[in-house]
Amino acid sequence: MNLITVNQQTCSQDGICAAVCPADLIDFSKGAFPTPVAAIDELCIRCGHCVAACPSSSLLHTELPLEQCPPVDQGLLLSEEQMTQFLRHRRSIRNYRNQPVPREILQKLIETARYAPTGHNTQGVEWLVLSDGEELKKLTAIVGEWMRWMLKSLPELALSLHIDKSLERLIGGYDVVLRDAPVLIIAHADKDDRMASVSSTIAMTYLELAATGMELGGCWAGYFNAAASTYPPLREALGLPEGHLSYAAMMIGYPQYRYHRLPERKEPAITWR
C-alpha cells in the first residue's frame, strides 16, 4: 500500500499539501492531482503536515489515518489576549501542597507534551516519573553530595551558582533541590541523538505550560539536572536506559499559593534588519 494516496473524488487540487511538506515530497502542478515522489516511504518524516493542512481531508497517509487526527476545534483557539495572559500568568512554582498527583493526570500531562516539535520529527524524548517520597529524598541527598564535590573541585563555578548558600540551606533542612514537590519528571534521550537536548527542553516547556491548564504547577529543577548530567552517582541512581542522559528535570505538584498579578519583565533587546 502506498504511504500517501489522494482521494480524487474530494481533492480540490489546491496544492496545499505539496506546499506545506517540509521535505518537498509531493509533486503538484496546476490542474493536476498531488502526487507523492517515488522515495516518499524512505524520506517522509511522518510529521503530518500534509494531513493537517488539507481542507477537504483528501490526503490519506497510512501511518496517520484521519480517524486518529481529529479536526481543529475553532472554538478552543486562543485569542491574542487569552494567549498573552496565559503565558504571562505562568510562574515557577516552588511551594507545593502536600497532595499527591494522580497517575492519570501525569499521564495526560505527558501525552500533551509529546506534541512538542522535535528536530526532524525524531520524537526521541522519553520520560521518567518519580513520585516516591523516600526515593526523592535519597536523590536530593545525592545532589547535596554533588554540591560538595562542586565546591571542592570547581569552586569558582560553584560559587557563581551560589551552591555554597544552597548547600547551607539544604543541610539546614530546607529542600532547595526539589522544593518538597510530590513529583519529579525527567526528560531523557539517547546521547547519540543530536536533537536530544533541544527536543527534551522544548518538550519539557510544553509540559510545564500544560500543567497550568491542569491546576498543577512546575519548576525547572536546575541543580538536579546539572548533577544528573555530570555526577555519576546520581546518573547511576536514576537507572536510565543504557546510553541515555537526563536533559531536563521538572518539579510538579499542586501549587500552595495562587498568583494574582502579572509582573513586568525587561524590555526585549531587538535588532531589526
C-alpha atoms as a PDB file:
ATOM      1  CA  MET A   1       0.000   0.000   0.000  1.00  0.00           C
ATOM      2  CA  ASN A   2       1.271   3.457  -0.861  1.00  0.00           C
ATOM      3  CA  LEU A   3       2.251   5.623   2.104  1.00  0.00           C
ATOM      4  CA  ILE A   4       0.223   8.535   0.712  1.00  0.00           C
ATOM      5  CA  THR A   5      -2.788   8.492  -1.576  1.00  0.00           C
ATOM      6  CA  VAL A   6      -5.120  11.249  -2.714  1.00  0.00           C
ATOM      7  CA  ASN A   7      -8.891  10.924  -2.843  1.00  0.00           C
ATOM      8  CA  GLN A   8      -9.506  12.347  -6.290  1.00  0.00           C
ATOM      9  CA  GLN A   9     -13.268  12.450  -5.680  1.00  0.00           C
ATOM     10  CA  THR A  10     -12.877  15.131  -2.999  1.00  0.00           C
ATOM     11  CA  CYS A  11      -9.488  16.725  -3.735  1.00  0.00           C
ATOM     12  CA  SER A  12      -9.829  20.380  -4.753  1.00  0.00           C
ATOM     13  CA  GLN A  13      -6.416  20.375  -6.455  1.00  0.00           C
ATOM     14  CA  ASP A  14      -5.288  23.378  -4.430  1.00  0.00           C
ATOM     15  CA  GLY A  15      -1.744  22.054  -3.870  1.00  0.00           C
ATOM     16  CA  ILE A  16      -1.675  22.947  -0.188  1.00  0.00           C
ATOM     17  CA  CYS A  17      -0.359  19.518   0.815  1.00  0.00           C
ATOM     18  CA  ALA A  18       2.598  19.948  -1.534  1.00  0.00           C
ATOM     19  CA  ALA A  19       3.268  23.479  -0.319  1.00  0.00           C
ATOM     20  CA  VAL A  20       3.451  22.553   3.375  1.00  0.00           C
ATOM     21  CA  CYS A  21       5.529  19.359   3.030  1.00  0.00           C
ATOM     22  CA  PRO A  22       8.848  20.252   4.727  1.00  0.00           C
ATOM     23  CA  ALA A  23      10.775  17.740   2.615  1.00  0.00           C
ATOM     24  CA  ASP A  24       9.100  18.632  -0.713  1.00  0.00           C
ATOM     25  CA  LEU A  25       7.891  15.075  -1.204  1.00  0.00           C
ATOM     26  CA  ILE A  26       4.613  15.836  -3.004  1.00  0.00           C
ATOM     27  CA  ASP A  27       4.634  16.974  -6.621  1.00  0.00           C
ATOM     28  CA  PHE A  28       1.904  19.308  -7.779  1.00  0.00           C
ATOM     29  CA  SER A  29       1.115  21.289 -10.889  1.00  0.00           C
ATOM     30  CA  LYS A  30      -1.980  23.391 -11.514  1.00  0.00           C
ATOM     31  CA  GLY A  31      -4.872  21.368 -12.884  1.00  0.00           C
ATOM     32  CA  ALA A  32      -3.437  18.042 -11.690  1.00  0.00           C
ATOM     33  CA  PHE A  33      -3.742  15.980  -8.528  1.00  0.00           C
ATOM     34  CA  PRO A  34      -0.923  15.948  -5.954  1.00  0.00           C
ATOM     35  CA  THR A  35       1.440  13.011  -6.449  1.00  0.00           C
ATOM     36  CA  PRO A  36       3.940  11.664  -3.899  1.00  0.00           C
ATOM     37  CA  VAL A  37       7.529  11.297  -5.097  1.00  0.00           C
ATOM     38  CA  ALA A  38       8.945   7.813  -5.598  1.00  0.00           C
ATOM     39  CA  ALA A  39      11.151   7.871  -2.498  1.00  0.00           C
ATOM     40  CA  ILE A  40       8.458   9.153  -0.115  1.00  0.00           C
ATOM     41  CA  ASP A  41       8.392   5.996   2.019  1.00  0.00           C
ATOM     42  CA  GLU A  42      12.064   6.467   2.843  1.00  0.00           C
ATOM     43  CA  LEU A  43      12.185  10.260   3.130  1.00  0.00           C
ATOM     44  CA  CYS A  44       8.867  11.113   4.812  1.00  0.00           C
ATOM     45  CA  ILE A  45       9.391  12.133   8.458  1.00  0.00           C
ATOM     46  CA  ARG A  46       5.744  11.436   9.376  1.00  0.00           C
ATOM     47  CA  CYS A  47       5.141  14.974  10.640  1.00  0.00           C
ATOM     48  CA  GLY A  48       1.543  15.019   9.405  1.00  0.00           C
ATOM     49  CA  HIS A  49       1.671  18.486   7.844  1.00  0.00           C
ATOM     50  CA  CYS A  50       0.031  17.245   4.661  1.00  0.00           C
ATOM     51  CA  VAL A  51      -2.832  15.586   6.534  1.00  0.00           C
ATOM     52  CA  ALA A  52      -3.335  18.564   8.847  1.00  0.00           C
ATOM     53  CA  ALA A  53      -3.364  21.192   6.096  1.00  0.00           C
ATOM     54  CA  CYS A  54      -5.718  19.535   3.600  1.00  0.00           C
ATOM     55  CA  PRO A  55      -9.048  21.412   3.934  1.00  0.00           C
ATOM     56  CA  SER A  56     -11.061  18.609   2.299  1.00  0.00           C
ATOM     57  CA  SER A  57      -9.431  15.685   4.174  1.00  0.00           C
ATOM     58  CA  SER A  58      -8.432  14.204   0.813  1.00  0.00           C
ATOM     59  CA  LEU A  59      -4.798  13.469   1.668  1.00  0.00           C
ATOM     60  CA  LEU A  60      -4.598   9.952   3.116  1.00  0.00           C
ATOM     61  CA  HIS A  61      -1.460   8.837   4.991  1.00  0.00           C
ATOM     62  CA  THR A  62      -1.346   5.167   6.006  1.00  0.00           C
ATOM     63  CA  GLU A  63       0.579   5.891   9.223  1.00  0.00           C
ATOM     64  CA  LEU A  64      -1.517   8.935  10.132  1.00  0.00           C
ATOM     65  CA  PRO A  65      -5.108   7.863   9.463  1.00  0.00           C
ATOM     66  CA  LEU A  66      -7.770  10.554   9.521  1.00  0.00           C
ATOM     67  CA  GLU A  67      -9.651   8.928  12.404  1.00  0.00           C
ATOM     68  CA  GLN A  68      -6.575   9.467  14.578  1.00  0.00           C
ATOM     69  CA  CYS A  69      -6.225  13.107  13.510  1.00  0.00           C
ATOM     70  CA  PRO A  70      -9.232  14.976  14.924  1.00  0.00           C
ATOM     71  CA  PRO A  71     -10.274  18.252  13.296  1.00  0.00           C
ATOM     72  CA  VAL A  72      -9.256  21.533  14.925  1.00  0.00           C
ATOM     73  CA  ASP A  73     -11.959  22.881  17.246  1.00  0.00           C
ATOM     74  CA  GLN A  74     -12.098  26.537  16.235  1.00  0.00           C
ATOM     75  CA  GLY A  75     -13.978  27.367  19.430  1.00  0.00           C
ATOM     76  CA  LEU A  76     -10.974  26.354  21.534  1.00  0.00           C
ATOM     77  CA  LEU A  77      -8.427  28.531  19.738  1.00  0.00           C
ATOM     78  CA  LEU A  78      -6.930  31.211  21.973  1.00  0.00           C
ATOM     79  CA  SER A  79      -7.431  34.861  21.242  1.00  0.00           C
ATOM     80  CA  GLU A  80      -4.405  37.158  21.381  1.00  0.00           C
ATOM     81  CA  GLU A  81      -5.494  38.398  24.809  1.00  0.00           C
ATOM     82  CA  GLN A  82      -6.023  34.883  26.156  1.00  0.00           C
ATOM     83  CA  MET A  83      -2.676  33.725  24.818  1.00  0.00           C
ATOM     84  CA  THR A  84      -0.836  36.697  26.315  1.00  0.00           C
ATOM     85  CA  GLN A  85      -2.373  36.277  29.765  1.00  0.00           C
ATOM     86  CA  PHE A  86      -1.813  32.516  29.715  1.00  0.00           C
ATOM     87  CA  LEU A  87       1.901  32.914  29.048  1.00  0.00           C
ATOM     88  CA  ARG A  88       2.377  35.880  31.391  1.00  0.00           C
ATOM     89  CA  HIS A  89       0.472  34.131  34.176  1.00  0.00           C
ATOM     90  CA  ARG A  90       2.864  31.161  34.198  1.00  0.00           C
ATOM     91  CA  ARG A  91       5.007  31.119  37.336  1.00  0.00           C
ATOM     92  CA  SER A  92       7.815  28.854  38.514  1.00  0.00           C
ATOM     93  CA  ILE A  93       6.178  27.068  41.444  1.00  0.00           C
ATOM     94  CA  ARG A  94       8.367  26.400  44.474  1.00  0.00           C
ATOM     95  CA  ASN A  95       5.666  25.905  47.132  1.00  0.00           C
ATOM     96  CA  TYR A  96       3.529  22.784  46.827  1.00  0.00           C
ATOM     97  CA  ARG A  97       0.582  21.394  48.713  1.00  0.00           C
ATOM     98  CA  ASN A  98       1.160  18.082  50.437  1.00  0.00           C
ATOM     99  CA  GLN A  99      -1.059  16.324  47.923  1.00  0.00           C
ATOM    100  CA  PRO A 100      -0.162  13.503  45.533  1.00  0.00           C
ATOM    101  CA  VAL A 101      -0.798  13.930  41.823  1.00  0.00           C
ATOM    102  CA  PRO A 102      -2.876  11.074  40.351  1.00  0.00           C
ATOM    103  CA  ARG A 103      -1.038   8.975  37.786  1.00  0.00           C
ATOM    104  CA  GLU A 104      -3.777   9.529  35.204  1.00  0.00           C
ATOM    105  CA  ILE A 105      -3.204  13.302  35.435  1.00  0.00           C
ATOM    106  CA  LEU A 106       0.542  12.858  34.947  1.00  0.00           C
ATOM    107  CA  GLN A 107      -0.140  10.540  32.027  1.00  0.00           C
ATOM    108  CA  LYS A 108      -2.344  13.171  30.404  1.00  0.00           C
ATOM    109  CA  LEU A 109       0.326  15.806  31.031  1.00  0.00           C
ATOM    110  CA  ILE A 110       2.997  13.786  29.237  1.00  0.00           C
ATOM    111  CA  GLU A 111       0.583  12.837  26.467  1.00  0.00           C
ATOM    112  CA  THR A 112       0.164  16.560  25.816  1.00  0.00           C
ATOM    113  CA  ALA A 113       3.906  17.264  25.954  1.00  0.00           C
ATOM    114  CA  ARG A 114       4.604  14.667  23.268  1.00  0.00           C
ATOM    115  CA  TYR A 115       3.167  17.052  20.682  1.00  0.00           C
ATOM    116  CA  ALA A 116       6.148  19.364  21.141  1.00  0.00           C
ATOM    117  CA  PRO A 117       8.262  19.791  17.990  1.00  0.00           C
ATOM    118  CA  THR A 118      11.392  17.674  17.687  1.00  0.00           C
ATOM    119  CA  GLY A 119      14.196  18.080  15.169  1.00  0.00           C
ATOM    120  CA  HIS A 120      13.449  16.095  12.012  1.00  0.00           C
ATOM    121  CA  ASN A 121      10.403  14.775  13.900  1.00  0.00           C
ATOM    122  CA  THR A 122      12.639  12.267  15.680  1.00  0.00           C
ATOM    123  CA  GLN A 123      10.313  12.111  18.721  1.00  0.00           C
ATOM    124  CA  GLY A 124      13.162  10.624  20.748  1.00  0.00           C
ATOM    125  CA  VAL A 125      12.215  12.064  24.141  1.00  0.00           C
ATOM    126  CA  GLU A 126      11.387   9.554  26.892  1.00  0.00           C
ATOM    127  CA  TRP A 127      10.122  10.214  30.405  1.00  0.00           C
ATOM    128  CA  LEU A 128      10.897   9.107  33.929  1.00  0.00           C
ATOM    129  CA  VAL A 129       8.292   9.979  36.570  1.00  0.00           C
ATOM    130  CA  LEU A 130       9.360   9.812  40.214  1.00  0.00           C
ATOM    131  CA  SER A 131       6.777  10.193  42.978  1.00  0.00           C
ATOM    132  CA  ASP A 132       8.031   8.027  45.831  1.00  0.00           C
ATOM    133  CA  GLY A 133       8.863  10.395  48.658  1.00  0.00           C
ATOM    134  CA  GLU A 134      11.710   8.316  50.071  1.00  0.00           C
ATOM    135  CA  GLU A 135      13.356   7.950  46.678  1.00  0.00           C
ATOM    136  CA  LEU A 136      13.105  11.688  46.075  1.00  0.00           C
ATOM    137  CA  LYS A 137      14.786  12.340  49.432  1.00  0.00           C
ATOM    138  CA  LYS A 138      17.613   9.944  48.545  1.00  0.00           C
ATOM    139  CA  LEU A 139      18.113  11.646  45.192  1.00  0.00           C
ATOM    140  CA  THR A 140      18.110  15.048  46.883  1.00  0.00           C
ATOM    141  CA  ALA A 141      20.834  13.826  49.248  1.00  0.00           C
ATOM    142  CA  ILE A 142      22.935  12.740  46.260  1.00  0.00           C
ATOM    143  CA  VAL A 143      22.556  16.216  44.788  1.00  0.00           C
ATOM    144  CA  GLY A 144      23.874  17.518  48.116  1.00  0.00           C
ATOM    145  CA  GLU A 145      26.946  15.309  47.636  1.00  0.00           C
ATOM    146  CA  TRP A 146      27.323  16.772  44.153  1.00  0.00           C
ATOM    147  CA  MET A 147      27.221  20.280  45.630  1.00  0.00           C
ATOM    148  CA  ARG A 148      30.069  19.389  47.999  1.00  0.00           C
ATOM    149  CA  TRP A 149      32.036  17.957  45.071  1.00  0.00           C
ATOM    150  CA  MET A 150      31.446  21.103  43.033  1.00  0.00           C
ATOM    151  CA  LEU A 151      32.651  23.366  45.847  1.00  0.00           C
ATOM    152  CA  LYS A 152      35.807  21.292  46.214  1.00  0.00           C
ATOM    153  CA  SER A 153      36.574  20.580  42.562  1.00  0.00           C
ATOM    154  CA  LEU A 154      35.156  23.615  40.722  1.00  0.00           C
ATOM    155  CA  PRO A 155      34.890  26.296  43.382  1.00  0.00           C
ATOM    156  CA  GLU A 156      34.730  29.294  41.045  1.00  0.00           C
ATOM    157  CA  LEU A 157      31.844  27.824  39.061  1.00  0.00           C
ATOM    158  CA  ALA A 158      30.117  26.569  42.212  1.00  0.00           C
ATOM    159  CA  LEU A 159      30.253  29.987  43.867  1.00  0.00           C
ATOM    160  CA  SER A 160      28.911  31.674  40.736  1.00  0.00           C
ATOM    161  CA  LEU A 161      25.878  29.364  41.024  1.00  0.00           C
ATOM    162  CA  HIS A 162      25.516  30.140  44.766  1.00  0.00           C
ATOM    163  CA  ILE A 163      25.960  26.466  45.548  1.00  0.00           C
ATOM    164  CA  ASP A 164      27.608  27.326  48.882  1.00  0.00           C
ATOM    165  CA  LYS A 165      24.487  29.118  50.106  1.00  0.00           C
ATOM    166  CA  SER A 166      22.179  26.457  48.705  1.00  0.00           C
ATOM    167  CA  LEU A 167      24.142  23.690  50.411  1.00  0.00           C
ATOM    168  CA  GLU A 168      23.892  25.525  53.726  1.00  0.00           C
ATOM    169  CA  ARG A 169      20.123  25.687  53.352  1.00  0.00           C
ATOM    170  CA  LEU A 170      19.950  22.034  52.340  1.00  0.00           C
ATOM    171  CA  ILE A 171      21.964  20.988  55.391  1.00  0.00           C
ATOM    172  CA  GLY A 172      19.638  23.137  57.496  1.00  0.00           C
ATOM    173  CA  GLY A 173      16.656  21.089  56.350  1.00  0.00           C
ATOM    174  CA  TYR A 174      15.316  23.300  53.559  1.00  0.00           C
ATOM    175  CA  ASP A 175      14.886  21.426  50.284  1.00  0.00           C
ATOM    176  CA  VAL A 176      16.429  23.771  47.726  1.00  0.00           C
ATOM    177  CA  VAL A 177      16.772  20.910  45.215  1.00  0.00           C
ATOM    178  CA  LEU A 178      13.205  19.666  44.714  1.00  0.00           C
ATOM    179  CA  ARG A 179      11.280  22.056  46.998  1.00  0.00           C
ATOM    180  CA  ASP A 180       9.377  19.127  48.550  1.00  0.00           C
ATOM    181  CA  ALA A 181       7.493  18.670  45.277  1.00  0.00           C
ATOM    182  CA  PRO A 182       5.495  15.435  45.186  1.00  0.00           C
ATOM    183  CA  VAL A 183       6.635  14.575  41.653  1.00  0.00           C
ATOM    184  CA  LEU A 184       9.812  14.901  39.622  1.00  0.00           C
ATOM    185  CA  ILE A 185       9.598  14.362  35.864  1.00  0.00           C
ATOM    186  CA  ILE A 186      12.765  13.769  33.856  1.00  0.00           C
ATOM    187  CA  ALA A 187      13.038  14.023  30.086  1.00  0.00           C
ATOM    188  CA  HIS A 188      15.790  11.755  28.811  1.00  0.00           C
ATOM    189  CA  ALA A 189      17.007  10.545  25.446  1.00  0.00           C
ATOM    190  CA  ASP A 190      19.797   8.681  23.691  1.00  0.00           C
ATOM    191  CA  LYS A 191      23.035  10.645  23.998  1.00  0.00           C
ATOM    192  CA  ASP A 192      23.792   9.912  20.345  1.00  0.00           C
ATOM    193  CA  ASP A 193      20.604  11.679  19.234  1.00  0.00           C
ATOM    194  CA  ARG A 194      21.846  15.056  18.028  1.00  0.00           C
ATOM    195  CA  MET A 195      18.384  16.512  18.606  1.00  0.00           C
ATOM    196  CA  ALA A 196      18.079  15.177  22.165  1.00  0.00           C
ATOM    197  CA  SER A 197      18.977  18.257  24.193  1.00  0.00           C
ATOM    198  CA  VAL A 198      16.817  20.737  22.294  1.00  0.00           C
ATOM    199  CA  SER A 199      13.943  18.280  21.835  1.00  0.00           C
ATOM    200  CA  SER A 200      13.870  17.491  25.562  1.00  0.00           C
ATOM    201  CA  THR A 201      13.957  21.157  26.531  1.00  0.00           C
ATOM    202  CA  ILE A 202      11.081  22.033  24.198  1.00  0.00           C
ATOM    203  CA  ALA A 203       9.044  19.016  25.344  1.00  0.00           C
ATOM    204  CA  MET A 204       9.541  19.935  28.995  1.00  0.00           C
ATOM    205  CA  THR A 205       8.479  23.501  28.237  1.00  0.00           C
ATOM    206  CA  TYR A 206       5.281  22.150  26.712  1.00  0.00           C
ATOM    207  CA  LEU A 207       4.780  20.017  29.826  1.00  0.00           C
ATOM    208  CA  GLU A 208       5.178  22.976  32.184  1.00  0.00           C
ATOM    209  CA  LEU A 209       2.730  25.100  30.211  1.00  0.00           C
ATOM    210  CA  ALA A 210       0.242  22.226  30.005  1.00  0.00           C
ATOM    211  CA  ALA A 211       0.467  21.779  33.786  1.00  0.00           C
ATOM    212  CA  THR A 212      -1.145  25.188  34.251  1.00  0.00           C
ATOM    213  CA  GLY A 213      -4.281  24.004  32.494  1.00  0.00           C
ATOM    214  CA  MET A 214      -4.497  21.002  34.837  1.00  0.00           C
ATOM    215  CA  GLU A 215      -4.316  23.114  38.021  1.00  0.00           C
ATOM    216  CA  LEU A 216      -0.714  21.991  38.504  1.00  0.00           C
ATOM    217  CA  GLY A 217       2.480  23.978  38.692  1.00  0.00           C
ATOM    218  CA  GLY A 218       6.069  23.209  37.846  1.00  0.00           C
ATOM    219  CA  CYS A 219       9.603  24.469  38.264  1.00  0.00           C
ATOM    220  CA  TRP A 220      12.764  23.544  36.385  1.00  0.00           C
ATOM    221  CA  ALA A 221      14.996  21.501  38.702  1.00  0.00           C
ATOM    222  CA  GLY A 222      18.251  23.169  37.698  1.00  0.00           C
ATOM    223  CA  TYR A 223      20.537  21.816  40.406  1.00  0.00           C
ATOM    224  CA  PHE A 224      19.117  18.356  39.995  1.00  0.00           C
ATOM    225  CA  ASN A 225      19.568  18.222  36.238  1.00  0.00           C
ATOM    226  CA  ALA A 226      23.069  19.686  36.423  1.00  0.00           C
ATOM    227  CA  ALA A 227      24.009  16.892  38.813  1.00  0.00           C
ATOM    228  CA  ALA A 228      22.203  14.264  36.734  1.00  0.00           C
ATOM    229  CA  SER A 229      24.163  15.357  33.683  1.00  0.00           C
ATOM    230  CA  THR A 230      27.609  15.302  35.299  1.00  0.00           C
ATOM    231  CA  TYR A 231      27.665  13.304  38.539  1.00  0.00           C
ATOM    232  CA  PRO A 232      27.996   9.508  38.096  1.00  0.00           C
ATOM    233  CA  PRO A 233      26.399   8.542  41.453  1.00  0.00           C
ATOM    234  CA  LEU A 234      23.184  10.363  40.521  1.00  0.00           C
ATOM    235  CA  ARG A 235      23.157   9.001  36.983  1.00  0.00           C
ATOM    236  CA  GLU A 236      23.528   5.514  38.445  1.00  0.00           C
ATOM    237  CA  ALA A 237      20.733   6.099  40.965  1.00  0.00           C
ATOM    238  CA  LEU A 238      18.348   7.234  38.219  1.00  0.00           C
ATOM    239  CA  GLY A 239      18.838   3.998  36.287  1.00  0.00           C
ATOM    240  CA  LEU A 240      18.068   5.468  32.886  1.00  0.00           C
ATOM    241  CA  PRO A 241      18.259   3.171  29.848  1.00  0.00           C
ATOM    242  CA  GLU A 242      21.751   2.379  28.586  1.00  0.00           C
ATOM    243  CA  GLY A 243      23.156   5.305  26.620  1.00  0.00           C
ATOM    244  CA  HIS A 244      20.505   7.771  27.804  1.00  0.00           C
ATOM    245  CA  LEU A 245      21.145  11.092  29.518  1.00  0.00           C
ATOM    246  CA  SER A 246      18.860  13.361  31.509  1.00  0.00           C
ATOM    247  CA  TYR A 247      18.305  16.572  29.548  1.00  0.00           C
ATOM    248  CA  ALA A 248      15.576  18.260  31.606  1.00  0.00           C
ATOM    249  CA  ALA A 249      14.021  17.819  35.039  1.00  0.00           C
ATOM    250  CA  MET A 250      10.815  19.401  36.298  1.00  0.00           C
ATOM    251  CA  MET A 251       9.206  19.513  39.747  1.00  0.00           C
ATOM    252  CA  ILE A 252       5.435  19.077  39.510  1.00  0.00           C
ATOM    253  CA  GLY A 253       2.657  19.426  42.059  1.00  0.00           C
ATOM    254  CA  TYR A 254      -0.379  21.386  43.167  1.00  0.00           C
ATOM    255  CA  PRO A 255       0.618  24.998  43.977  1.00  0.00           C
ATOM    256  CA  GLN A 256       0.233  26.039  47.585  1.00  0.00           C
ATOM    257  CA  TYR A 257      -0.445  29.645  46.597  1.00  0.00           C
ATOM    258  CA  ARG A 258      -2.176  31.460  43.762  1.00  0.00           C
ATOM    259  CA  TYR A 259      -0.764  34.418  41.875  1.00  0.00           C
ATOM    260  CA  HIS A 260      -2.971  37.426  41.238  1.00  0.00           C
ATOM    261  CA  ARG A 261      -0.871  39.829  39.173  1.00  0.00           C
ATOM    262  CA  LEU A 262       1.358  39.781  36.106  1.00  0.00           C
ATOM    263  CA  PRO A 263       4.814  41.191  36.988  1.00  0.00           C
ATOM    264  CA  GLU A 264       6.657  43.026  34.236  1.00  0.00           C
ATOM    265  CA  ARG A 265       9.866  41.855  32.600  1.00  0.00           C
ATOM    266  CA  LYS A 266      12.718  43.720  30.961  1.00  0.00           C
ATOM    267  CA  GLU A 267      12.062  45.234  27.580  1.00  0.00           C
ATOM    268  CA  PRO A 268      13.213  42.851  24.829  1.00  0.00           C
ATOM    269  CA  ALA A 269      16.508  43.629  23.144  1.00  0.00           C
ATOM    270  CA  ILE A 270      15.633  43.573  19.448  1.00  0.00           C
ATOM    271  CA  THR A 271      17.775  44.230  16.409  1.00  0.00           C
ATOM    272  CA  TRP A 272      15.726  44.922  13.297  1.00  0.00           C
ATOM    273  CA  ARG A 273      17.281  44.415   9.845  1.00  0.00           C
END
